[in-house]
Amino acid sequence: MSSPDDPRRTPLHDWHKAHNGRMVDFAGWAMPVQYASIIDEHHATRRAVGMFDVSHMGRLLIDGPDAARLLDRVCTRKVAELKPGQIRYSLVCNDRGGVLDDVLVYRVELEDGVRSGSGLLSGYGMVVNAGNREKIVAWLQQHSAGMDLKIDDITQEYAMFAVQGPKAIELLDGMTEFGLTSLRYYNGEETKIGDCGCYVSRTGYTGEDG
């Protein structure tokens, strides 16, 4: 458990501090709210590219024969019809239709069916908002009673970055094992950047490519 006096740290924590990021507590994580200028950061993302440390966001893996059935039960979007590599934006609602969180659901599939260097396996990934992670895990567990599946919370095992802006693909294209220009919006693929196994998806929340 984290506390205001001892928040969790992302893998880039020391980098943020070394580059004068103003650190604040965000959902139990020490996060940089800004650097020198919010306006400059905004313009960089709109005109070129901006990089965001989003490692505080919850990352869950749901695997097993009943994984799709569980997600179709709790999500407002149809999940079972997703093909490997496809991603779907959805809401998770309570029994009265109130929104618990907005999430991204990833359909992932590896030939060996086990977790890879990117932390994914044959099944589904879900990215949830940091402040709702524990609530969503509990909700999934509650509604998966009697189902044949496994839910893993890998939030603190891996980093996650968002690279957003009109030049985001140009920046990353030469770093991956495949051409990112061929990656369709709301699709993802496992790859390597250097020696690091990772999962790259073409999604975002800024209104820009990335």
N, C-alpha and C. Protein backbone atom coordinates (compact mmCIF):
# COMPACT_ATOMS: atom_id res chain seq x y z
N MET A 1 0.84 -1.20 0.00
CA MET A 1 0.00 0.00 0.00
C MET A 1 0.88 1.25 0.00
N SER A 2 0.48 2.25 -0.80
CA SER A 2 1.18 3.51 -0.79
C SER A 2 0.46 4.48 0.13
N SER A 3 1.13 5.58 0.48
CA SER A 3 0.53 6.61 1.31
C SER A 3 1.03 7.95 0.79
N PRO A 4 0.38 9.08 1.19
CA PRO A 4 0.86 10.39 0.75
C PRO A 4 2.32 10.63 1.11
N ASP A 5 2.78 10.01 2.21
CA ASP A 5 4.17 10.18 2.63
C ASP A 5 5.11 9.24 1.89
N ASP A 6 4.58 8.20 1.29
CA ASP A 6 5.42 7.22 0.60
C ASP A 6 4.70 6.69 -0.64
N PRO A 7 4.50 7.55 -1.66
CA PRO A 7 3.79 7.11 -2.86
C PRO A 7 4.62 6.14 -3.69
N ARG A 8 3.95 5.36 -4.52
CA ARG A 8 4.66 4.48 -5.44
C ARG A 8 5.44 5.31 -6.45
N ARG A 9 6.49 4.70 -6.99
CA ARG A 9 7.32 5.40 -7.98
C ARG A 9 7.34 4.62 -9.28
N THR A 10 7.28 5.33 -10.39
CA THR A 10 7.40 4.68 -11.69
C THR A 10 8.88 4.46 -11.99
N PRO A 11 9.21 3.64 -13.00
CA PRO A 11 10.62 3.42 -13.35
C PRO A 11 11.35 4.70 -13.77
N LEU A 12 10.61 5.75 -14.16
CA LEU A 12 11.24 7.00 -14.59
C LEU A 12 11.29 8.05 -13.48
N HIS A 13 11.01 7.65 -12.26
CA HIS A 13 10.94 8.62 -11.16
C HIS A 13 12.20 9.47 -11.05
N ASP A 14 13.37 8.83 -11.03
CA ASP A 14 14.62 9.57 -10.88
C ASP A 14 14.86 10.48 -12.07
N TRP A 15 14.47 10.03 -13.27
CA TRP A 15 14.63 10.87 -14.48
C TRP A 15 13.76 12.11 -14.36
N HIS A 16 12.53 11.94 -13.91
CA HIS A 16 11.63 13.09 -13.76
C HIS A 16 12.24 14.13 -12.81
N LYS A 17 12.76 13.68 -11.69
CA LYS A 17 13.32 14.60 -10.71
C LYS A 17 14.58 15.28 -11.24
N ALA A 18 15.40 14.50 -11.96
CA ALA A 18 16.63 15.07 -12.52
C ALA A 18 16.35 16.13 -13.57
N HIS A 19 15.17 16.06 -14.20
CA HIS A 19 14.80 17.03 -15.23
C HIS A 19 13.77 18.03 -14.71
N ASN A 20 13.77 18.22 -13.41
CA ASN A 20 12.98 19.27 -12.76
C ASN A 20 11.47 19.11 -12.94
N GLY A 21 11.01 17.87 -13.01
CA GLY A 21 9.58 17.65 -13.01
C GLY A 21 9.00 17.98 -11.63
N ARG A 22 7.88 18.69 -11.62
CA ARG A 22 7.24 19.02 -10.34
C ARG A 22 6.38 17.84 -9.93
N MET A 23 6.83 17.12 -8.89
CA MET A 23 6.21 15.87 -8.50
C MET A 23 5.03 16.10 -7.55
N VAL A 24 3.94 15.39 -7.82
CA VAL A 24 2.76 15.45 -6.96
C VAL A 24 2.26 14.04 -6.73
N ASP A 25 1.43 13.87 -5.71
CA ASP A 25 0.79 12.58 -5.46
C ASP A 25 -0.44 12.47 -6.35
N PHE A 26 -0.48 11.42 -7.17
CA PHE A 26 -1.63 11.18 -8.05
C PHE A 26 -2.06 9.73 -7.87
N ALA A 27 -3.19 9.54 -7.21
CA ALA A 27 -3.73 8.19 -6.97
C ALA A 27 -2.70 7.27 -6.32
N GLY A 28 -1.91 7.84 -5.41
CA GLY A 28 -0.93 7.04 -4.69
C GLY A 28 0.40 6.87 -5.39
N TRP A 29 0.60 7.61 -6.50
CA TRP A 29 1.85 7.55 -7.25
C TRP A 29 2.51 8.93 -7.27
N ALA A 30 3.83 8.96 -7.21
CA ALA A 30 4.57 10.20 -7.39
C ALA A 30 4.71 10.46 -8.89
N MET A 31 4.01 11.49 -9.39
CA MET A 31 3.96 11.75 -10.82
C MET A 31 4.34 13.20 -11.11
N PRO A 32 4.99 13.46 -12.27
CA PRO A 32 5.33 14.83 -12.64
C PRO A 32 4.11 15.55 -13.23
N VAL A 33 3.63 16.58 -12.56
CA VAL A 33 2.47 17.30 -13.06
C VAL A 33 2.85 18.26 -14.19
N GLN A 34 4.11 18.72 -14.18
CA GLN A 34 4.60 19.57 -15.26
C GLN A 34 6.11 19.69 -15.16
N TYR A 35 6.70 20.21 -16.25
CA TYR A 35 8.12 20.55 -16.26
C TYR A 35 8.22 22.08 -16.30
N ALA A 36 9.00 22.63 -17.21
CA ALA A 36 9.20 24.08 -17.20
C ALA A 36 7.94 24.84 -17.58
N SER A 37 7.21 24.35 -18.60
CA SER A 37 6.08 25.12 -19.12
C SER A 37 5.00 24.18 -19.65
N ILE A 38 3.79 24.30 -19.11
CA ILE A 38 2.68 23.51 -19.61
C ILE A 38 2.36 23.89 -21.05
N ILE A 39 2.46 25.18 -21.37
CA ILE A 39 2.18 25.64 -22.74
C ILE A 39 3.16 25.01 -23.72
N ASP A 40 4.45 24.97 -23.37
CA ASP A 40 5.45 24.36 -24.25
C ASP A 40 5.17 22.88 -24.45
N GLU A 41 4.77 22.20 -23.38
CA GLU A 41 4.45 20.78 -23.49
C GLU A 41 3.24 20.56 -24.39
N HIS A 42 2.24 21.43 -24.25
CA HIS A 42 1.05 21.35 -25.10
C HIS A 42 1.42 21.54 -26.57
N HIS A 43 2.21 22.57 -26.86
CA HIS A 43 2.60 22.84 -28.24
C HIS A 43 3.44 21.71 -28.82
N ALA A 44 4.30 21.12 -28.00
CA ALA A 44 5.13 20.00 -28.48
C ALA A 44 4.24 18.84 -28.92
N THR A 45 3.21 18.55 -28.13
CA THR A 45 2.32 17.44 -28.46
C THR A 45 1.46 17.74 -29.67
N ARG A 46 1.03 18.98 -29.82
CA ARG A 46 0.17 19.35 -30.95
C ARG A 46 0.96 19.51 -32.26
N ARG A 47 2.21 19.94 -32.16
CA ARG A 47 2.98 20.27 -33.36
C ARG A 47 4.02 19.21 -33.72
N ALA A 48 4.47 18.45 -32.74
CA ALA A 48 5.54 17.47 -33.01
C ALA A 48 5.26 16.18 -32.26
N VAL A 49 5.82 16.04 -31.06
CA VAL A 49 5.60 14.81 -30.30
C VAL A 49 5.85 15.08 -28.81
N GLY A 50 5.04 14.46 -27.98
CA GLY A 50 5.22 14.52 -26.54
C GLY A 50 5.23 13.12 -25.97
N MET A 51 6.01 12.91 -24.92
CA MET A 51 6.09 11.60 -24.29
C MET A 51 5.58 11.71 -22.86
N PHE A 52 4.71 10.79 -22.48
CA PHE A 52 4.08 10.80 -21.17
C PHE A 52 4.38 9.50 -20.44
N ASP A 53 4.79 9.62 -19.19
CA ASP A 53 4.96 8.44 -18.33
C ASP A 53 3.58 8.10 -17.75
N VAL A 54 2.99 7.02 -18.23
CA VAL A 54 1.67 6.60 -17.74
C VAL A 54 1.77 5.25 -17.03
N SER A 55 2.93 5.01 -16.42
CA SER A 55 3.16 3.74 -15.73
C SER A 55 2.28 3.58 -14.50
N HIS A 56 1.66 4.67 -14.05
CA HIS A 56 0.78 4.58 -12.88
C HIS A 56 -0.57 3.98 -13.24
N MET A 57 -0.94 3.95 -14.51
CA MET A 57 -2.23 3.40 -14.90
C MET A 57 -2.26 1.89 -14.69
N GLY A 58 -3.39 1.38 -14.27
CA GLY A 58 -3.50 -0.04 -13.97
C GLY A 58 -3.44 -0.90 -15.22
N ARG A 59 -2.73 -2.02 -15.12
CA ARG A 59 -2.64 -2.96 -16.24
C ARG A 59 -2.96 -4.36 -15.73
N LEU A 60 -4.01 -4.93 -16.28
CA LEU A 60 -4.50 -6.23 -15.85
C LEU A 60 -4.44 -7.21 -17.01
N LEU A 61 -4.20 -8.48 -16.69
CA LEU A 61 -4.23 -9.56 -17.67
C LEU A 61 -5.33 -10.53 -17.26
N ILE A 62 -6.20 -10.87 -18.20
CA ILE A 62 -7.29 -11.81 -17.96
C ILE A 62 -7.15 -12.93 -18.97
N ASP A 63 -6.91 -14.15 -18.49
CA ASP A 63 -6.63 -15.27 -19.38
C ASP A 63 -7.42 -16.49 -18.93
N GLY A 64 -7.82 -17.31 -19.90
CA GLY A 64 -8.53 -18.54 -19.59
C GLY A 64 -9.75 -18.71 -20.47
N PRO A 65 -10.35 -19.90 -20.47
CA PRO A 65 -11.49 -20.18 -21.35
C PRO A 65 -12.67 -19.23 -21.17
N ASP A 66 -12.84 -18.69 -19.95
CA ASP A 66 -14.00 -17.83 -19.69
C ASP A 66 -13.66 -16.35 -19.67
N ALA A 67 -12.46 -15.98 -20.13
CA ALA A 67 -12.04 -14.58 -20.07
C ALA A 67 -12.97 -13.67 -20.86
N ALA A 68 -13.29 -14.06 -22.09
CA ALA A 68 -14.17 -13.22 -22.91
C ALA A 68 -15.56 -13.11 -22.30
N ARG A 69 -16.05 -14.19 -21.71
CA ARG A 69 -17.38 -14.18 -21.10
C ARG A 69 -17.43 -13.20 -19.93
N LEU A 70 -16.36 -13.18 -19.13
CA LEU A 70 -16.30 -12.23 -18.02
C LEU A 70 -16.31 -10.80 -18.54
N LEU A 71 -15.46 -10.51 -19.53
CA LEU A 71 -15.35 -9.14 -20.01
C LEU A 71 -16.62 -8.68 -20.71
N ASP A 72 -17.29 -9.59 -21.42
CA ASP A 72 -18.57 -9.23 -22.02
C ASP A 72 -19.63 -8.95 -20.95
N ARG A 73 -19.46 -9.55 -19.78
CA ARG A 73 -20.41 -9.33 -18.69
C ARG A 73 -20.23 -7.96 -18.07
N VAL A 74 -18.98 -7.49 -17.94
CA VAL A 74 -18.74 -6.25 -17.19
C VAL A 74 -18.51 -5.03 -18.08
N CYS A 75 -18.23 -5.22 -19.37
CA CYS A 75 -17.95 -4.11 -20.28
C CYS A 75 -19.17 -3.76 -21.12
N THR A 76 -19.25 -2.49 -21.54
CA THR A 76 -20.36 -2.05 -22.38
C THR A 76 -20.14 -2.35 -23.85
N ARG A 77 -18.92 -2.68 -24.24
CA ARG A 77 -18.61 -3.02 -25.62
C ARG A 77 -18.39 -4.53 -25.74
N LYS A 78 -18.71 -5.09 -26.90
CA LYS A 78 -18.53 -6.52 -27.14
C LYS A 78 -17.05 -6.84 -27.23
N VAL A 79 -16.59 -7.76 -26.39
CA VAL A 79 -15.18 -8.12 -26.33
C VAL A 79 -14.90 -9.44 -27.03
N ALA A 80 -15.83 -10.39 -26.96
CA ALA A 80 -15.59 -11.73 -27.50
C ALA A 80 -15.28 -11.71 -28.99
N GLU A 81 -15.76 -10.71 -29.71
CA GLU A 81 -15.55 -10.67 -31.16
C GLU A 81 -14.20 -10.08 -31.56
N LEU A 82 -13.43 -9.59 -30.59
CA LEU A 82 -12.12 -9.01 -30.90
C LEU A 82 -11.18 -10.07 -31.45
N LYS A 83 -10.42 -9.70 -32.48
CA LYS A 83 -9.38 -10.56 -33.03
C LYS A 83 -8.05 -10.19 -32.38
N PRO A 84 -7.07 -11.13 -32.35
CA PRO A 84 -5.76 -10.82 -31.78
C PRO A 84 -5.19 -9.54 -32.39
N GLY A 85 -4.73 -8.66 -31.53
CA GLY A 85 -4.17 -7.39 -31.97
C GLY A 85 -5.15 -6.24 -31.94
N GLN A 86 -6.44 -6.54 -31.83
CA GLN A 86 -7.44 -5.47 -31.79
C GLN A 86 -7.66 -4.95 -30.37
N ILE A 87 -8.05 -3.69 -30.29
CA ILE A 87 -8.24 -3.01 -29.01
C ILE A 87 -9.61 -2.33 -29.04
N ARG A 88 -10.26 -2.28 -27.91
CA ARG A 88 -11.57 -1.65 -27.85
C ARG A 88 -11.69 -0.77 -26.61
N TYR A 89 -12.17 0.45 -26.83
CA TYR A 89 -12.46 1.36 -25.72
C TYR A 89 -13.83 1.00 -25.16
N SER A 90 -13.94 0.96 -23.83
CA SER A 90 -15.20 0.53 -23.23
C SER A 90 -15.38 1.17 -21.86
N LEU A 91 -16.58 1.05 -21.36
CA LEU A 91 -16.88 1.42 -19.98
C LEU A 91 -17.10 0.14 -19.17
N VAL A 92 -16.73 0.19 -17.91
CA VAL A 92 -17.09 -0.86 -16.96
C VAL A 92 -18.13 -0.25 -16.03
N CYS A 93 -19.30 -0.87 -15.98
CA CYS A 93 -20.42 -0.30 -15.22
C CYS A 93 -20.80 -1.19 -14.04
N ASN A 94 -21.43 -0.56 -13.05
CA ASN A 94 -21.95 -1.32 -11.92
C ASN A 94 -23.32 -1.90 -12.27
N ASP A 95 -23.95 -2.54 -11.32
CA ASP A 95 -25.21 -3.22 -11.59
C ASP A 95 -26.36 -2.27 -11.89
N ARG A 96 -26.18 -0.99 -11.56
CA ARG A 96 -27.22 0.01 -11.83
C ARG A 96 -26.92 0.82 -13.09
N GLY A 97 -25.84 0.46 -13.78
CA GLY A 97 -25.47 1.17 -15.00
C GLY A 97 -24.57 2.36 -14.77
N GLY A 98 -24.19 2.62 -13.52
CA GLY A 98 -23.25 3.70 -13.25
C GLY A 98 -21.84 3.32 -13.68
N VAL A 99 -21.07 4.29 -14.13
CA VAL A 99 -19.73 4.03 -14.67
C VAL A 99 -18.72 3.87 -13.54
N LEU A 100 -18.03 2.73 -13.52
CA LEU A 100 -16.94 2.50 -12.58
C LEU A 100 -15.62 3.02 -13.15
N ASP A 101 -15.43 2.88 -14.47
CA ASP A 101 -14.20 3.34 -15.11
C ASP A 101 -14.35 3.24 -16.61
N ASP A 102 -13.53 4.03 -17.32
CA ASP A 102 -13.38 3.82 -18.76
C ASP A 102 -12.04 3.14 -18.99
N VAL A 103 -12.03 2.14 -19.86
CA VAL A 103 -10.87 1.24 -19.99
C VAL A 103 -10.56 0.97 -21.46
N LEU A 104 -9.38 0.45 -21.69
CA LEU A 104 -9.02 -0.13 -22.99
C LEU A 104 -8.86 -1.63 -22.80
N VAL A 105 -9.49 -2.40 -23.68
CA VAL A 105 -9.38 -3.86 -23.64
C VAL A 105 -8.59 -4.32 -24.86
N TYR A 106 -7.54 -5.08 -24.63
CA TYR A 106 -6.65 -5.57 -25.68
C TYR A 106 -6.85 -7.07 -25.86
N ARG A 107 -6.97 -7.52 -27.11
CA ARG A 107 -6.97 -8.97 -27.38
C ARG A 107 -5.57 -9.33 -27.80
N VAL A 108 -4.90 -10.16 -27.02
CA VAL A 108 -3.51 -10.53 -27.29
C VAL A 108 -3.40 -12.04 -27.39
N GLU A 109 -2.49 -12.48 -28.22
CA GLU A 109 -2.29 -13.91 -28.41
C GLU A 109 -0.86 -14.18 -28.83
N LEU A 110 -0.16 -15.02 -28.05
CA LEU A 110 1.19 -15.44 -28.36
C LEU A 110 1.19 -16.91 -28.68
N GLU A 111 2.10 -17.33 -29.56
CA GLU A 111 2.10 -18.72 -30.01
C GLU A 111 2.27 -19.71 -28.87
N ASP A 112 3.12 -19.35 -27.88
CA ASP A 112 3.37 -20.29 -26.78
C ASP A 112 2.36 -20.15 -25.65
N GLY A 113 1.49 -19.14 -25.75
CA GLY A 113 0.43 -18.99 -24.77
C GLY A 113 0.89 -18.65 -23.37
N VAL A 114 2.11 -18.12 -23.23
CA VAL A 114 2.60 -17.75 -21.92
C VAL A 114 3.05 -16.30 -21.95
N ARG A 115 3.28 -15.76 -20.77
CA ARG A 115 3.69 -14.37 -20.69
C ARG A 115 5.03 -14.18 -21.38
N SER A 116 5.13 -13.08 -22.12
CA SER A 116 6.35 -12.79 -22.86
C SER A 116 7.10 -11.66 -22.17
N GLY A 117 8.14 -11.17 -22.84
CA GLY A 117 8.90 -10.06 -22.29
C GLY A 117 8.08 -8.80 -22.13
N SER A 118 6.97 -8.69 -22.85
CA SER A 118 6.13 -7.50 -22.74
C SER A 118 5.10 -7.62 -21.63
N GLY A 119 5.01 -8.77 -21.01
CA GLY A 119 4.06 -8.96 -19.93
C GLY A 119 2.69 -9.41 -20.39
N LEU A 120 2.55 -9.75 -21.67
CA LEU A 120 1.26 -10.17 -22.19
C LEU A 120 1.25 -11.66 -22.46
N LEU A 121 0.06 -12.23 -22.61
CA LEU A 121 -0.09 -13.66 -22.82
C LEU A 121 -1.28 -13.89 -23.73
N SER A 122 -1.69 -15.13 -23.90
CA SER A 122 -2.85 -15.43 -24.72
C SER A 122 -4.11 -15.11 -23.92
N GLY A 123 -4.79 -14.06 -24.27
CA GLY A 123 -5.97 -13.65 -23.53
C GLY A 123 -6.27 -12.19 -23.77
N TYR A 124 -6.53 -11.47 -22.69
CA TYR A 124 -6.93 -10.07 -22.78
C TYR A 124 -6.14 -9.21 -21.80
N GLY A 125 -5.79 -8.02 -22.26
CA GLY A 125 -5.21 -7.02 -21.39
C GLY A 125 -6.23 -5.92 -21.16
N MET A 126 -6.18 -5.30 -20.00
CA MET A 126 -7.07 -4.18 -19.70
C MET A 126 -6.27 -3.07 -19.04
N VAL A 127 -6.37 -1.86 -19.58
CA VAL A 127 -5.74 -0.69 -18.98
C VAL A 127 -6.82 0.13 -18.31
N VAL A 128 -6.64 0.39 -17.01
CA VAL A 128 -7.64 1.10 -16.22
C VAL A 128 -6.99 2.34 -15.61
N ASN A 129 -7.81 3.27 -15.17
CA ASN A 129 -7.28 4.47 -14.55
C ASN A 129 -6.71 4.16 -13.17
N ALA A 130 -5.65 4.87 -12.81
CA ALA A 130 -4.88 4.55 -11.61
C ALA A 130 -5.74 4.54 -10.35
N GLY A 131 -6.61 5.53 -10.21
CA GLY A 131 -7.41 5.63 -9.01
C GLY A 131 -8.50 4.58 -8.89
N ASN A 132 -8.76 3.86 -9.99
CA ASN A 132 -9.83 2.85 -10.00
C ASN A 132 -9.31 1.42 -10.06
N ARG A 133 -8.00 1.24 -10.06
CA ARG A 133 -7.42 -0.09 -10.28
C ARG A 133 -7.93 -1.12 -9.28
N GLU A 134 -7.82 -0.85 -8.00
CA GLU A 134 -8.23 -1.83 -7.00
C GLU A 134 -9.73 -2.12 -7.09
N LYS A 135 -10.50 -1.08 -7.36
CA LYS A 135 -11.95 -1.25 -7.49
C LYS A 135 -12.30 -2.15 -8.68
N ILE A 136 -11.61 -1.97 -9.81
CA ILE A 136 -11.89 -2.78 -11.00
C ILE A 136 -11.44 -4.22 -10.79
N VAL A 137 -10.29 -4.42 -10.16
CA VAL A 137 -9.84 -5.78 -9.86
C VAL A 137 -10.87 -6.50 -9.00
N ALA A 138 -11.35 -5.82 -7.96
CA ALA A 138 -12.36 -6.43 -7.08
C ALA A 138 -13.65 -6.73 -7.84
N TRP A 139 -14.04 -5.84 -8.75
CA TRP A 139 -15.26 -6.04 -9.54
C TRP A 139 -15.13 -7.25 -10.47
N LEU A 140 -13.97 -7.37 -11.11
CA LEU A 140 -13.73 -8.52 -11.98
C LEU A 140 -13.75 -9.82 -11.18
N GLN A 141 -13.11 -9.80 -10.02
CA GLN A 141 -13.08 -11.00 -9.19
C GLN A 141 -14.48 -11.38 -8.72
N GLN A 142 -15.26 -10.39 -8.36
CA GLN A 142 -16.63 -10.64 -7.90
C GLN A 142 -17.47 -11.30 -8.98
N HIS A 143 -17.30 -10.85 -10.22
CA HIS A 143 -18.14 -11.34 -11.31
C HIS A 143 -17.54 -12.55 -12.03
N SER A 144 -16.39 -13.01 -11.59
CA SER A 144 -15.77 -14.18 -12.22
C SER A 144 -15.91 -15.44 -11.37
N ALA A 145 -16.70 -15.37 -10.32
CA ALA A 145 -16.88 -16.53 -9.45
C ALA A 145 -17.38 -17.73 -10.25
N GLY A 146 -16.68 -18.86 -10.13
CA GLY A 146 -17.06 -20.07 -10.83
C GLY A 146 -16.56 -20.16 -12.26
N MET A 147 -15.88 -19.11 -12.73
CA MET A 147 -15.36 -19.11 -14.10
C MET A 147 -13.94 -19.66 -14.14
N ASP A 148 -13.57 -20.21 -15.29
CA ASP A 148 -12.23 -20.76 -15.50
C ASP A 148 -11.36 -19.68 -16.14
N LEU A 149 -10.68 -18.91 -15.30
CA LEU A 149 -9.84 -17.82 -15.79
C LEU A 149 -8.89 -17.38 -14.68
N LYS A 150 -7.96 -16.52 -15.05
CA LYS A 150 -7.01 -15.97 -14.10
C LYS A 150 -6.89 -14.47 -14.34
N ILE A 151 -6.87 -13.70 -13.26
CA ILE A 151 -6.71 -12.25 -13.34
C ILE A 151 -5.40 -11.88 -12.67
N ASP A 152 -4.49 -11.27 -13.43
CA ASP A 152 -3.20 -10.83 -12.90
C ASP A 152 -3.10 -9.32 -12.97
N ASP A 153 -2.68 -8.70 -11.89
CA ASP A 153 -2.41 -7.27 -11.85
C ASP A 153 -0.91 -7.08 -12.02
N ILE A 154 -0.49 -6.57 -13.19
CA ILE A 154 0.94 -6.44 -13.48
C ILE A 154 1.37 -4.97 -13.48
N THR A 155 0.58 -4.11 -12.85
CA THR A 155 0.83 -2.68 -12.90
C THR A 155 2.25 -2.32 -12.48
N GLN A 156 2.74 -2.93 -11.42
CA GLN A 156 4.05 -2.54 -10.91
C GLN A 156 5.20 -3.37 -11.49
N GLU A 157 4.89 -4.25 -12.43
CA GLU A 157 5.92 -5.08 -13.04
C GLU A 157 6.53 -4.46 -14.29
N TYR A 158 5.79 -3.56 -14.94
CA TYR A 158 6.22 -3.02 -16.23
C TYR A 158 5.94 -1.53 -16.30
N ALA A 159 6.73 -0.85 -17.11
CA ALA A 159 6.50 0.57 -17.38
C ALA A 159 5.53 0.72 -18.55
N MET A 160 4.92 1.90 -18.66
CA MET A 160 4.07 2.19 -19.81
C MET A 160 4.24 3.65 -20.18
N PHE A 161 4.44 3.90 -21.47
CA PHE A 161 4.63 5.25 -21.97
C PHE A 161 3.63 5.55 -23.07
N ALA A 162 3.20 6.80 -23.14
CA ALA A 162 2.38 7.27 -24.26
C ALA A 162 3.21 8.26 -25.06
N VAL A 163 3.34 8.00 -26.35
CA VAL A 163 4.06 8.89 -27.26
C VAL A 163 3.03 9.45 -28.22
N GLN A 164 2.72 10.74 -28.10
CA GLN A 164 1.59 11.34 -28.80
C GLN A 164 2.03 12.56 -29.60
N GLY A 165 1.38 12.74 -30.76
CA GLY A 165 1.65 13.91 -31.58
C GLY A 165 1.74 13.55 -33.04
N PRO A 166 1.68 14.54 -33.93
CA PRO A 166 1.71 14.27 -35.37
C PRO A 166 2.99 13.61 -35.85
N LYS A 167 4.07 13.71 -35.09
CA LYS A 167 5.33 13.09 -35.49
C LYS A 167 5.67 11.86 -34.63
N ALA A 168 4.70 11.34 -33.89
CA ALA A 168 4.95 10.21 -33.01
C ALA A 168 5.37 8.97 -33.78
N ILE A 169 4.65 8.65 -34.85
CA ILE A 169 4.97 7.46 -35.63
C ILE A 169 6.32 7.62 -36.31
N GLU A 170 6.60 8.81 -36.81
CA GLU A 170 7.90 9.07 -37.44
C GLU A 170 9.04 8.84 -36.46
N LEU A 171 8.85 9.24 -35.21
CA LEU A 171 9.88 9.07 -34.18
C LEU A 171 10.12 7.60 -33.87
N LEU A 172 9.04 6.83 -33.74
CA LEU A 172 9.15 5.45 -33.28
C LEU A 172 9.36 4.44 -34.38
N ASP A 173 9.07 4.81 -35.62
CA ASP A 173 9.01 3.84 -36.71
C ASP A 173 10.31 3.06 -36.88
N GLY A 174 11.44 3.69 -36.73
CA GLY A 174 12.71 3.00 -36.92
C GLY A 174 13.17 2.22 -35.71
N MET A 175 12.43 2.29 -34.61
CA MET A 175 12.85 1.63 -33.39
C MET A 175 12.26 0.23 -33.23
N THR A 176 11.18 -0.06 -33.94
CA THR A 176 10.47 -1.33 -33.76
C THR A 176 10.85 -2.33 -34.84
N GLU A 177 10.44 -3.58 -34.63
CA GLU A 177 10.77 -4.65 -35.57
C GLU A 177 9.85 -4.65 -36.79
N PHE A 178 8.81 -3.86 -36.76
CA PHE A 178 7.89 -3.76 -37.90
C PHE A 178 7.59 -2.29 -38.15
N GLY A 179 7.08 -1.98 -39.32
CA GLY A 179 6.78 -0.60 -39.66
C GLY A 179 5.51 -0.12 -38.98
N LEU A 180 5.63 0.89 -38.15
CA LEU A 180 4.47 1.37 -37.40
C LEU A 180 3.43 2.03 -38.30
N THR A 181 3.85 2.49 -39.47
CA THR A 181 2.88 3.12 -40.36
C THR A 181 1.81 2.12 -40.80
N SER A 182 2.12 0.83 -40.73
CA SER A 182 1.15 -0.20 -41.13
C SER A 182 0.21 -0.58 -39.98
N LEU A 183 0.49 -0.10 -38.77
CA LEU A 183 -0.33 -0.44 -37.62
C LEU A 183 -1.60 0.42 -37.63
N ARG A 184 -2.75 -0.24 -37.69
CA ARG A 184 -4.01 0.48 -37.76
C ARG A 184 -4.39 1.05 -36.39
N TYR A 185 -5.22 2.09 -36.42
CA TYR A 185 -5.69 2.71 -35.19
C TYR A 185 -6.47 1.70 -34.36
N TYR A 186 -6.25 1.70 -33.06
CA TYR A 186 -6.83 0.76 -32.11
C TYR A 186 -6.44 -0.68 -32.43
N ASN A 187 -5.18 -0.84 -32.80
CA ASN A 187 -4.56 -2.15 -32.94
C ASN A 187 -3.21 -2.10 -32.23
N GLY A 188 -2.69 -3.28 -31.88
CA GLY A 188 -1.41 -3.36 -31.20
C GLY A 188 -0.64 -4.59 -31.63
N GLU A 189 0.65 -4.59 -31.35
CA GLU A 189 1.49 -5.72 -31.74
C GLU A 189 2.70 -5.80 -30.81
N GLU A 190 3.11 -7.02 -30.53
CA GLU A 190 4.30 -7.23 -29.72
C GLU A 190 5.54 -6.98 -30.56
N THR A 191 6.56 -6.38 -29.97
CA THR A 191 7.80 -6.10 -30.69
C THR A 191 8.93 -5.93 -29.68
N LYS A 192 10.07 -5.52 -30.17
CA LYS A 192 11.20 -5.16 -29.32
C LYS A 192 11.70 -3.78 -29.70
N ILE A 193 12.08 -3.01 -28.71
CA ILE A 193 12.79 -1.76 -28.92
C ILE A 193 14.14 -1.93 -28.23
N GLY A 194 15.19 -2.04 -29.04
CA GLY A 194 16.48 -2.44 -28.49
C GLY A 194 16.38 -3.87 -28.00
N ASP A 195 16.78 -4.11 -26.77
CA ASP A 195 16.68 -5.44 -26.17
C ASP A 195 15.45 -5.59 -25.29
N CYS A 196 14.57 -4.61 -25.33
CA CYS A 196 13.42 -4.60 -24.42
C CYS A 196 12.17 -5.10 -25.13
N GLY A 197 11.59 -6.19 -24.63
CA GLY A 197 10.32 -6.66 -25.16
C GLY A 197 9.20 -5.73 -24.75
N CYS A 198 8.32 -5.41 -25.68
CA CYS A 198 7.24 -4.48 -25.36
C CYS A 198 6.04 -4.73 -26.26
N TYR A 199 4.96 -4.07 -25.94
CA TYR A 199 3.73 -4.15 -26.73
C TYR A 199 3.40 -2.72 -27.16
N VAL A 200 3.30 -2.51 -28.46
CA VAL A 200 3.05 -1.18 -29.01
C VAL A 200 1.62 -1.13 -29.54
N SER A 201 0.87 -0.13 -29.12
CA SER A 201 -0.50 0.03 -29.61
C SER A 201 -0.68 1.44 -30.17
N ARG A 202 -1.57 1.55 -31.14
CA ARG A 202 -1.86 2.86 -31.74
C ARG A 202 -3.18 3.37 -31.16
N THR A 203 -3.06 3.98 -30.01
CA THR A 203 -4.21 4.51 -29.29
C THR A 203 -3.80 5.85 -28.71
N GLY A 204 -4.69 6.52 -28.02
CA GLY A 204 -4.29 7.77 -27.38
C GLY A 204 -5.47 8.54 -26.86
N TYR A 205 -5.16 9.59 -26.13
CA TYR A 205 -6.19 10.38 -25.45
C TYR A 205 -6.00 11.87 -25.67
N THR A 206 -5.10 12.25 -26.58
CA THR A 206 -4.81 13.67 -26.81
C THR A 206 -5.50 14.22 -28.05
N GLY A 207 -6.09 13.35 -28.86
CA GLY A 207 -6.63 13.79 -30.14
C GLY A 207 -5.60 13.76 -31.24
N GLU A 208 -4.36 13.37 -30.90
CA GLU A 208 -3.29 13.25 -31.88
C GLU A 208 -2.98 11.78 -32.14
N ASP A 209 -2.16 11.52 -33.15
CA ASP A 209 -1.71 10.16 -33.42
C ASP A 209 -0.74 9.74 -32.33
N GLY A 210 -0.56 8.42 -32.18
CA GLY A 210 0.42 7.96 -31.20
C GLY A 210 0.11 6.57 -30.69
